């Protein structure tokens, strides 16, 4: 024990071996909690499978990996706090704390994305049982829109935690907004095209349509394109703005 105390009292690069030991235990504890969390969630998942409510299954599956890596990140954060990193010429400790905080934001976004996927699959299955086709079209688009919004929000928060001025970034985007809008005019036209499809309802998924010389069955309506399966079994992607410019012939609406 005296030899152990002497060894732990030694210093390496000005840091006591006790600090290194505590930092190692913090990281090791994070991985242990990750392993324990995986076991607990696996058992909870088996219990949730027996219930009639599906929300518990969705939440448990969404927590599976993000929660475990969150504990690992907490262990790394504790190790960063325990180790006295130099502050000159660069404050390494402050930078690592900012990186850990940003990583925690990304883990939260990861959990929310998995949650959206789970609820999206649940709502898609519910929509498939209804007679209306409108909900079948809206659920995938709402799911993708929420995921894109979350990714953008997570990126902004991550950059903010690293010390970047998000306000200046947004101002720079605003200055070049005219050029971006001009470059993205086709994308905006396609977005307004899908709004026309949902509001005017010229067709829906499963309809046999003909537009701009393309004839087939509508398989999917997206934010930018609509996929049409031709009778030759090929798949054609049609930009949504075509539906606001051309004449749409919906053969499925024939009275006889």
C-alpha atoms as a PDB file:
ATOM      1  CA  UNK A   1       0.000   0.000   0.000  1.00  0.00           C
ATOM      2  CA  UNK A   2       2.910   2.347   0.715  1.00  0.00           C
ATOM      3  CA  UNK A   3       4.355   1.622  -2.743  1.00  0.00           C
ATOM      4  CA  UNK A   4       0.917   2.226  -4.278  1.00  0.00           C
ATOM      5  CA  UNK A   5       0.537   5.539  -2.439  1.00  0.00           C
ATOM      6  CA  UNK A   6       4.020   6.570  -3.515  1.00  0.00           C
ATOM      7  CA  UNK A   7       3.229   5.698  -7.129  1.00  0.00           C
ATOM      8  CA  UNK A   8      -0.093   7.546  -7.097  1.00  0.00           C
ATOM      9  CA  UNK A   9       1.608  10.548  -5.531  1.00  0.00           C
ATOM     10  CA  UNK A  10       3.943  10.879  -8.512  1.00  0.00           C
ATOM     11  CA  UNK A  11       3.288  13.564 -11.089  1.00  0.00           C
ATOM     12  CA  UNK A  12       3.287  13.237 -14.871  1.00  0.00           C
ATOM     13  CA  UNK A  13       3.480  16.506 -16.806  1.00  0.00           C
ATOM     14  CA  UNK A  14       2.589  18.352 -13.636  1.00  0.00           C
ATOM     15  CA  UNK A  15      -0.537  16.269 -12.960  1.00  0.00           C
ATOM     16  CA  UNK A  16      -0.849  13.846 -10.041  1.00  0.00           C
ATOM     17  CA  UNK A  17      -1.444  10.184 -10.833  1.00  0.00           C
ATOM     18  CA  UNK A  18      -4.499  10.427  -8.567  1.00  0.00           C
ATOM     19  CA  UNK A  19      -6.085  12.797 -11.074  1.00  0.00           C
ATOM     20  CA  UNK A  20      -5.318  10.401 -13.921  1.00  0.00           C
ATOM     21  CA  UNK A  21      -6.831   7.562 -11.907  1.00  0.00           C
ATOM     22  CA  UNK A  22     -10.008   9.500 -11.138  1.00  0.00           C
ATOM     23  CA  UNK A  23     -10.330  10.522 -14.796  1.00  0.00           C
ATOM     24  CA  UNK A  24      -9.933   6.894 -15.881  1.00  0.00           C
ATOM     25  CA  UNK A  25     -12.565   5.770 -13.372  1.00  0.00           C
ATOM     26  CA  UNK A  26     -14.940   8.456 -14.668  1.00  0.00           C
ATOM     27  CA  UNK A  27     -14.614   7.257 -18.280  1.00  0.00           C
ATOM     28  CA  UNK A  28     -14.774   3.609 -17.200  1.00  0.00           C
ATOM     29  CA  UNK A  29     -17.894   4.349 -15.140  1.00  0.00           C
ATOM     30  CA  UNK A  30     -19.503   5.970 -18.174  1.00  0.00           C
ATOM     31  CA  UNK A  31     -18.973   2.838 -20.251  1.00  0.00           C
ATOM     32  CA  UNK A  32     -20.224   0.657 -17.412  1.00  0.00           C
ATOM     33  CA  UNK A  33     -23.401   2.740 -17.166  1.00  0.00           C
ATOM     34  CA  UNK A  34     -23.794   2.403 -20.940  1.00  0.00           C
ATOM     35  CA  UNK A  35     -23.634  -1.385 -20.624  1.00  0.00           C
ATOM     36  CA  UNK A  36     -26.059  -1.429 -17.681  1.00  0.00           C
ATOM     37  CA  UNK A  37     -28.449   0.907 -19.523  1.00  0.00           C
ATOM     38  CA  UNK A  38     -28.437  -1.412 -22.525  1.00  0.00           C
ATOM     39  CA  UNK A  39     -29.393  -4.374 -20.316  1.00  0.00           C
ATOM     40  CA  UNK A  40     -32.133  -2.433 -18.507  1.00  0.00           C
ATOM     41  CA  UNK A  41     -33.662  -1.079 -21.715  1.00  0.00           C
ATOM     42  CA  UNK A  42     -33.587  -4.541 -23.259  1.00  0.00           C
ATOM     43  CA  UNK A  43     -35.641  -5.886 -20.365  1.00  0.00           C
ATOM     44  CA  UNK A  44     -37.974  -2.917 -20.443  1.00  0.00           C
ATOM     45  CA  UNK A  45     -38.471  -3.467 -24.161  1.00  0.00           C
ATOM     46  CA  UNK A  46     -39.662  -7.037 -23.508  1.00  0.00           C
ATOM     47  CA  UNK A  47     -42.113  -5.742 -20.921  1.00  0.00           C
ATOM     48  CA  UNK A  48     -43.311  -2.959 -23.230  1.00  0.00           C
ATOM     49  CA  UNK A  49     -43.949  -5.467 -26.030  1.00  0.00           C
ATOM     50  CA  UNK A  50     -46.627  -7.088 -23.867  1.00  0.00           C
ATOM     51  CA  UNK A  51     -48.587  -3.859 -23.379  1.00  0.00           C
ATOM     52  CA  UNK A  52     -51.217  -2.566 -25.787  1.00  0.00           C
ATOM     53  CA  UNK A  53     -49.814   0.965 -25.755  1.00  0.00           C
ATOM     54  CA  UNK A  54     -47.172   1.531 -28.437  1.00  0.00           C
ATOM     55  CA  UNK A  55     -45.759   4.784 -27.093  1.00  0.00           C
ATOM     56  CA  UNK A  56     -43.621   3.039 -24.472  1.00  0.00           C
ATOM     57  CA  UNK A  57     -42.045   0.821 -27.164  1.00  0.00           C
ATOM     58  CA  UNK A  58     -41.222   3.891 -29.266  1.00  0.00           C
ATOM     59  CA  UNK A  59     -39.641   5.802 -26.373  1.00  0.00           C
ATOM     60  CA  UNK A  60     -37.588   2.812 -25.176  1.00  0.00           C
ATOM     61  CA  UNK A  61     -36.254   2.112 -28.677  1.00  0.00           C
ATOM     62  CA  UNK A  62     -35.417   5.785 -29.116  1.00  0.00           C
ATOM     63  CA  UNK A  63     -33.496   5.787 -25.811  1.00  0.00           C
ATOM     64  CA  UNK A  64     -31.543   2.624 -26.606  1.00  0.00           C
ATOM     65  CA  UNK A  65     -28.239   4.037 -27.908  1.00  0.00           C
ATOM     66  CA  UNK A  66     -28.458   7.801 -27.216  1.00  0.00           C
ATOM     67  CA  UNK A  67     -28.905   7.291 -23.469  1.00  0.00           C
ATOM     68  CA  UNK A  68     -25.931   4.932 -23.241  1.00  0.00           C
ATOM     69  CA  UNK A  69     -23.631   7.250 -25.161  1.00  0.00           C
ATOM     70  CA  UNK A  70     -24.935  10.105 -23.036  1.00  0.00           C
ATOM     71  CA  UNK A  71     -23.517   8.352 -19.962  1.00  0.00           C
ATOM     72  CA  UNK A  72     -20.208   7.840 -21.776  1.00  0.00           C
ATOM     73  CA  UNK A  73     -20.140  11.533 -22.626  1.00  0.00           C
ATOM     74  CA  UNK A  74     -20.876  12.364 -18.981  1.00  0.00           C
ATOM     75  CA  UNK A  75     -17.871  10.257 -17.953  1.00  0.00           C
ATOM     76  CA  UNK A  76     -15.656  12.033 -20.474  1.00  0.00           C
ATOM     77  CA  UNK A  77     -16.936  15.401 -19.220  1.00  0.00           C
ATOM     78  CA  UNK A  78     -16.098  14.424 -15.621  1.00  0.00           C
ATOM     79  CA  UNK A  79     -12.606  13.361 -16.733  1.00  0.00           C
ATOM     80  CA  UNK A  80     -12.095  16.729 -18.455  1.00  0.00           C
ATOM     81  CA  UNK A  81     -13.112  18.530 -15.269  1.00  0.00           C
ATOM     82  CA  UNK A  82     -10.810  16.380 -13.109  1.00  0.00           C
ATOM     83  CA  UNK A  83      -7.703  16.833 -15.257  1.00  0.00           C
ATOM     84  CA  UNK A  84      -6.040  20.263 -14.946  1.00  0.00           C
ATOM     85  CA  UNK A  85      -5.358  21.080 -18.588  1.00  0.00           C
ATOM     86  CA  UNK A  86      -3.105  24.074 -19.374  1.00  0.00           C
ATOM     87  CA  UNK A  87      -4.771  27.406 -20.030  1.00  0.00           C
ATOM     88  CA  UNK A  88      -1.927  28.953 -22.035  1.00  0.00           C
ATOM     89  CA  UNK A  89      -1.518  29.509 -24.927  1.00  0.00           C
ATOM     90  CA  UNK A  90      -4.929  27.857 -25.466  1.00  0.00           C
ATOM     91  CA  UNK A  91      -7.505  27.099 -22.779  1.00  0.00           C
ATOM     92  CA  UNK A  92      -7.809  23.388 -23.594  1.00  0.00           C
ATOM     93  CA  UNK A  93     -10.153  22.637 -20.698  1.00  0.00           C
ATOM     94  CA  UNK A  94     -12.658  25.277 -21.805  1.00  0.00           C
ATOM     95  CA  UNK A  95     -12.510  24.021 -25.396  1.00  0.00           C
ATOM     96  CA  UNK A  96     -13.106  20.391 -24.336  1.00  0.00           C
ATOM     97  CA  UNK A  97     -16.037  21.423 -22.131  1.00  0.00           C
ATOM     98  CA  UNK A  98     -17.557  23.256 -25.102  1.00  0.00           C
ATOM     99  CA  UNK A  99     -17.069  20.171 -27.304  1.00  0.00           C
ATOM    100  CA  UNK A 100     -18.739  17.943 -24.680  1.00  0.00           C
ATOM    101  CA  UNK A 101     -21.665  20.370 -24.399  1.00  0.00           C
ATOM    102  CA  UNK A 102     -22.045  20.414 -28.181  1.00  0.00           C
ATOM    103  CA  UNK A 103     -21.845  16.618 -28.292  1.00  0.00           C
ATOM    104  CA  UNK A 104     -24.608  16.453 -25.662  1.00  0.00           C
ATOM    105  CA  UNK A 105     -26.753  18.596 -27.976  1.00  0.00           C
ATOM    106  CA  UNK A 106     -26.092  16.211 -30.872  1.00  0.00           C
ATOM    107  CA  UNK A 107     -27.032  13.224 -28.700  1.00  0.00           C
ATOM    108  CA  UNK A 108     -30.303  14.981 -27.810  1.00  0.00           C
ATOM    109  CA  UNK A 109     -30.972  15.585 -31.517  1.00  0.00           C
ATOM    110  CA  UNK A 110     -30.166  11.918 -32.206  1.00  0.00           C
ATOM    111  CA  UNK A 111     -32.744  10.843 -29.613  1.00  0.00           C
ATOM    112  CA  UNK A 112     -35.371  13.199 -31.092  1.00  0.00           C
ATOM    113  CA  UNK A 113     -34.696  11.870 -34.610  1.00  0.00           C
ATOM    114  CA  UNK A 114     -35.208   8.291 -33.440  1.00  0.00           C
ATOM    115  CA  UNK A 115     -38.355   9.404 -31.633  1.00  0.00           C
ATOM    116  CA  UNK A 116     -39.698  11.027 -34.810  1.00  0.00           C
ATOM    117  CA  UNK A 117     -38.931   7.864 -36.803  1.00  0.00           C
ATOM    118  CA  UNK A 118     -40.776   5.723 -34.266  1.00  0.00           C
ATOM    119  CA  UNK A 119     -43.856   7.923 -34.119  1.00  0.00           C
ATOM    120  CA  UNK A 120     -43.724   8.362 -37.906  1.00  0.00           C
ATOM    121  CA  UNK A 121     -43.885   4.599 -38.460  1.00  0.00           C
ATOM    122  CA  UNK A 122     -46.727   4.349 -35.943  1.00  0.00           C
ATOM    123  CA  UNK A 123     -48.736   7.130 -37.610  1.00  0.00           C
ATOM    124  CA  UNK A 124     -47.998   5.702 -41.072  1.00  0.00           C
ATOM    125  CA  UNK A 125     -49.454   2.362 -40.000  1.00  0.00           C
ATOM    126  CA  UNK A 126     -52.513   4.146 -38.593  1.00  0.00           C
ATOM    127  CA  UNK A 127     -52.930   6.176 -41.786  1.00  0.00           C
ATOM    128  CA  UNK A 128     -52.799   3.034 -43.923  1.00  0.00           C
ATOM    129  CA  UNK A 129     -55.929   1.753 -42.150  1.00  0.00           C
ATOM    130  CA  UNK A 130     -58.020   4.836 -42.994  1.00  0.00           C
ATOM    131  CA  UNK A 131     -59.954   5.310 -46.209  1.00  0.00           C
ATOM    132  CA  UNK A 132     -58.470   8.747 -46.918  1.00  0.00           C
ATOM    133  CA  UNK A 133     -55.170   8.882 -48.795  1.00  0.00           C
ATOM    134  CA  UNK A 134     -54.358  12.407 -47.637  1.00  0.00           C
ATOM    135  CA  UNK A 135     -52.920  11.286 -44.298  1.00  0.00           C
ATOM    136  CA  UNK A 136     -50.734   8.709 -46.104  1.00  0.00           C
ATOM    137  CA  UNK A 137     -49.191  11.590 -48.054  1.00  0.00           C
ATOM    138  CA  UNK A 138     -48.860  14.083 -45.197  1.00  0.00           C
ATOM    139  CA  UNK A 139     -47.208  11.798 -42.608  1.00  0.00           C
ATOM    140  CA  UNK A 140     -43.965  11.123 -44.595  1.00  0.00           C
ATOM    141  CA  UNK A 141     -43.604  14.801 -45.524  1.00  0.00           C
ATOM    142  CA  UNK A 142     -44.174  15.987 -41.946  1.00  0.00           C
ATOM    143  CA  UNK A 143     -41.710  13.369 -40.727  1.00  0.00           C
ATOM    144  CA  UNK A 144     -38.969  14.508 -43.108  1.00  0.00           C
ATOM    145  CA  UNK A 145     -39.629  18.195 -42.435  1.00  0.00           C
ATOM    146  CA  UNK A 146     -39.283  17.722 -38.665  1.00  0.00           C
ATOM    147  CA  UNK A 147     -36.049  15.760 -39.119  1.00  0.00           C
ATOM    148  CA  UNK A 148     -34.537  18.451 -41.353  1.00  0.00           C
ATOM    149  CA  UNK A 149     -35.547  21.145 -38.844  1.00  0.00           C
ATOM    150  CA  UNK A 150     -33.986  19.205 -35.954  1.00  0.00           C
ATOM    151  CA  UNK A 151     -30.725  18.636 -37.833  1.00  0.00           C
ATOM    152  CA  UNK A 152     -30.441  22.337 -38.648  1.00  0.00           C
ATOM    153  CA  UNK A 153     -31.280  23.293 -35.054  1.00  0.00           C
ATOM    154  CA  UNK A 154     -28.711  20.837 -33.713  1.00  0.00           C
ATOM    155  CA  UNK A 155     -26.031  22.201 -36.056  1.00  0.00           C
ATOM    156  CA  UNK A 156     -26.742  25.780 -34.939  1.00  0.00           C
ATOM    157  CA  UNK A 157     -26.627  24.846 -31.234  1.00  0.00           C
ATOM    158  CA  UNK A 158     -23.414  22.852 -31.734  1.00  0.00           C
ATOM    159  CA  UNK A 159     -21.683  25.798 -33.426  1.00  0.00           C
ATOM    160  CA  UNK A 160     -22.961  28.134 -30.717  1.00  0.00           C
ATOM    161  CA  UNK A 161     -21.509  25.914 -27.994  1.00  0.00           C
ATOM    162  CA  UNK A 162     -18.138  25.959 -29.772  1.00  0.00           C
ATOM    163  CA  UNK A 163     -18.136  29.740 -29.474  1.00  0.00           C
ATOM    164  CA  UNK A 164     -19.080  30.717 -33.006  1.00  0.00           C
ATOM    165  CA  UNK A 165     -21.337  33.726 -33.446  1.00  0.00           C
ATOM    166  CA  UNK A 166     -24.528  32.237 -34.820  1.00  0.00           C
ATOM    167  CA  UNK A 167     -26.028  35.712 -35.179  1.00  0.00           C
ATOM    168  CA  UNK A 168     -23.228  36.726 -37.547  1.00  0.00           C
ATOM    169  CA  UNK A 169     -23.711  33.500 -39.472  1.00  0.00           C
ATOM    170  CA  UNK A 170     -27.434  34.154 -39.861  1.00  0.00           C
ATOM    171  CA  UNK A 171     -26.705  37.754 -40.899  1.00  0.00           C
ATOM    172  CA  UNK A 172     -24.299  36.476 -43.544  1.00  0.00           C
ATOM    173  CA  UNK A 173     -26.938  34.095 -44.807  1.00  0.00           C
ATOM    174  CA  UNK A 174     -29.403  36.991 -44.938  1.00  0.00           C
ATOM    175  CA  UNK A 175     -27.011  39.058 -47.077  1.00  0.00           C
ATOM    176  CA  UNK A 176     -26.649  36.240 -49.574  1.00  0.00           C
ATOM    177  CA  UNK A 177     -30.326  35.318 -49.301  1.00  0.00           C
ATOM    178  CA  UNK A 178     -31.229  36.797 -52.668  1.00  0.00           C
ATOM    179  CA  UNK A 179     -28.607  34.716 -54.456  1.00  0.00           C
ATOM    180  CA  UNK A 180     -29.654  31.594 -52.559  1.00  0.00           C
ATOM    181  CA  UNK A 181     -33.315  32.209 -53.344  1.00  0.00           C
ATOM    182  CA  UNK A 182     -32.489  32.597 -57.028  1.00  0.00           C
ATOM    183  CA  UNK A 183     -30.455  29.378 -56.982  1.00  0.00           C
ATOM    184  CA  UNK A 184     -33.228  27.560 -55.130  1.00  0.00           C
ATOM    185  CA  UNK A 185     -36.119  28.860 -57.221  1.00  0.00           C
ATOM    186  CA  UNK A 186     -36.811  25.390 -58.645  1.00  0.00           C
ATOM    187  CA  UNK A 187     -36.842  23.917 -55.129  1.00  0.00           C
ATOM    188  CA  UNK A 188     -39.316  26.573 -53.974  1.00  0.00           C
ATOM    189  CA  UNK A 189     -41.452  25.949 -57.058  1.00  0.00           C
ATOM    190  CA  UNK A 190     -41.507  22.233 -56.235  1.00  0.00           C
ATOM    191  CA  UNK A 191     -42.472  22.994 -52.624  1.00  0.00           C
ATOM    192  CA  UNK A 192     -45.399  25.159 -53.728  1.00  0.00           C
ATOM    193  CA  UNK A 193     -46.270  22.408 -56.175  1.00  0.00           C
ATOM    194  CA  UNK A 194     -46.725  19.898 -53.370  1.00  0.00           C
ATOM    195  CA  UNK A 195     -48.913  22.440 -51.536  1.00  0.00           C
ATOM    196  CA  UNK A 196     -51.125  22.639 -54.608  1.00  0.00           C
ATOM    197  CA  UNK A 197     -51.361  18.845 -54.692  1.00  0.00           C
ATOM    198  CA  UNK A 198     -52.478  18.715 -51.057  1.00  0.00           C
ATOM    199  CA  UNK A 199     -54.895  21.648 -51.270  1.00  0.00           C
ATOM    200  CA  UNK A 200     -56.507  21.055 -54.668  1.00  0.00           C
ATOM    201  CA  UNK A 201     -56.167  17.234 -54.526  1.00  0.00           C
ATOM    202  CA  UNK A 202     -55.882  16.603 -58.279  1.00  0.00           C
ATOM    203  CA  UNK A 203     -54.679  13.085 -57.410  1.00  0.00           C
ATOM    204  CA  UNK A 204     -53.498  10.987 -54.495  1.00  0.00           C
ATOM    205  CA  UNK A 205     -51.238   8.022 -53.891  1.00  0.00           C
ATOM    206  CA  UNK A 206     -52.444   5.023 -55.883  1.00  0.00           C
ATOM    207  CA  UNK A 207     -54.175   7.040 -58.632  1.00  0.00           C
ATOM    208  CA  UNK A 208     -53.590   6.394 -62.330  1.00  0.00           C
ATOM    209  CA  UNK A 209     -52.580   9.738 -63.819  1.00  0.00           C
ATOM    210  CA  UNK A 210     -51.154  11.221 -66.996  1.00  0.00           C
ATOM    211  CA  UNK A 211     -49.184  14.490 -67.007  1.00  0.00           C
ATOM    212  CA  UNK A 212     -46.609  15.958 -69.422  1.00  0.00           C
ATOM    213  CA  UNK A 213     -46.584  12.754 -71.475  1.00  0.00           C
ATOM    214  CA  UNK A 214     -45.993  10.574 -68.387  1.00  0.00           C
ATOM    215  CA  UNK A 215     -48.584   7.957 -67.492  1.00  0.00           C
ATOM    216  CA  UNK A 216     -48.623   5.609 -64.545  1.00  0.00           C
ATOM    217  CA  UNK A 217     -49.602   5.055 -60.915  1.00  0.00           C
ATOM    218  CA  UNK A 218     -48.590   7.499 -58.191  1.00  0.00           C
ATOM    219  CA  UNK A 219     -46.351   5.742 -55.671  1.00  0.00           C
ATOM    220  CA  UNK A 220     -45.104   8.599 -53.483  1.00  0.00           C
ATOM    221  CA  UNK A 221     -45.566  12.349 -53.123  1.00  0.00           C
ATOM    222  CA  UNK A 222     -42.545  14.124 -51.666  1.00  0.00           C
ATOM    223  CA  UNK A 223     -41.519  17.684 -50.905  1.00  0.00           C
ATOM    224  CA  UNK A 224     -39.630  18.029 -54.196  1.00  0.00           C
ATOM    225  CA  UNK A 225     -40.717  15.222 -56.499  1.00  0.00           C
ATOM    226  CA  UNK A 226     -43.539  12.773 -57.081  1.00  0.00           C
ATOM    227  CA  UNK A 227     -42.716   9.188 -58.040  1.00  0.00           C
ATOM    228  CA  UNK A 228     -44.864   7.595 -60.748  1.00  0.00           C
ATOM    229  CA  UNK A 229     -44.695   3.893 -61.620  1.00  0.00           C
ATOM    230  CA  UNK A 230     -45.319   3.428 -65.342  1.00  0.00           C
ATOM    231  CA  UNK A 231     -47.093   0.423 -66.847  1.00  0.00           C
ATOM    232  CA  UNK A 232     -43.707  -0.700 -68.198  1.00  0.00           C
ATOM    233  CA  UNK A 233     -42.733  -1.034 -64.479  1.00  0.00           C
ATOM    234  CA  UNK A 234     -40.216   1.818 -64.641  1.00  0.00           C
ATOM    235  CA  UNK A 235     -40.137   4.513 -61.972  1.00  0.00           C
ATOM    236  CA  UNK A 236     -40.268   8.164 -63.079  1.00  0.00           C
ATOM    237  CA  UNK A 237     -39.606  11.108 -60.777  1.00  0.00           C
ATOM    238  CA  UNK A 238     -41.646  14.158 -61.717  1.00  0.00           C
ATOM    239  CA  UNK A 239     -40.789  17.609 -60.236  1.00  0.00           C
ATOM    240  CA  UNK A 240     -43.807  18.914 -58.361  1.00  0.00           C
ATOM    241  CA  UNK A 241     -43.856  22.221 -60.233  1.00  0.00           C
ATOM    242  CA  UNK A 242     -44.900  20.268 -63.349  1.00  0.00           C
ATOM    243  CA  UNK A 243     -48.284  19.694 -61.707  1.00  0.00           C
ATOM    244  CA  UNK A 244     -48.872  23.446 -61.423  1.00  0.00           C
ATOM    245  CA  UNK A 245     -47.901  24.134 -65.038  1.00  0.00           C
ATOM    246  CA  UNK A 246     -49.374  21.242 -67.005  1.00  0.00           C
ATOM    247  CA  UNK A 247     -52.705  19.512 -67.451  1.00  0.00           C
ATOM    248  CA  UNK A 248     -53.284  16.493 -65.211  1.00  0.00           C
ATOM    249  CA  UNK A 249     -55.421  13.643 -66.469  1.00  0.00           C
ATOM    250  CA  UNK A 250     -56.603  11.486 -63.569  1.00  0.00           C
ATOM    251  CA  UNK A 251     -57.832   8.234 -65.107  1.00  0.00           C
ATOM    252  CA  UNK A 252     -58.801   6.888 -61.687  1.00  0.00           C
ATOM    253  CA  UNK A 253     -61.599   9.464 -61.490  1.00  0.00           C
ATOM    254  CA  UNK A 254     -63.474   8.031 -64.493  1.00  0.00           C
ATOM    255  CA  UNK A 255     -67.110   7.477 -63.641  1.00  0.00           C
ATOM    256  CA  UNK A 256     -67.193   4.253 -65.622  1.00  0.00           C
END
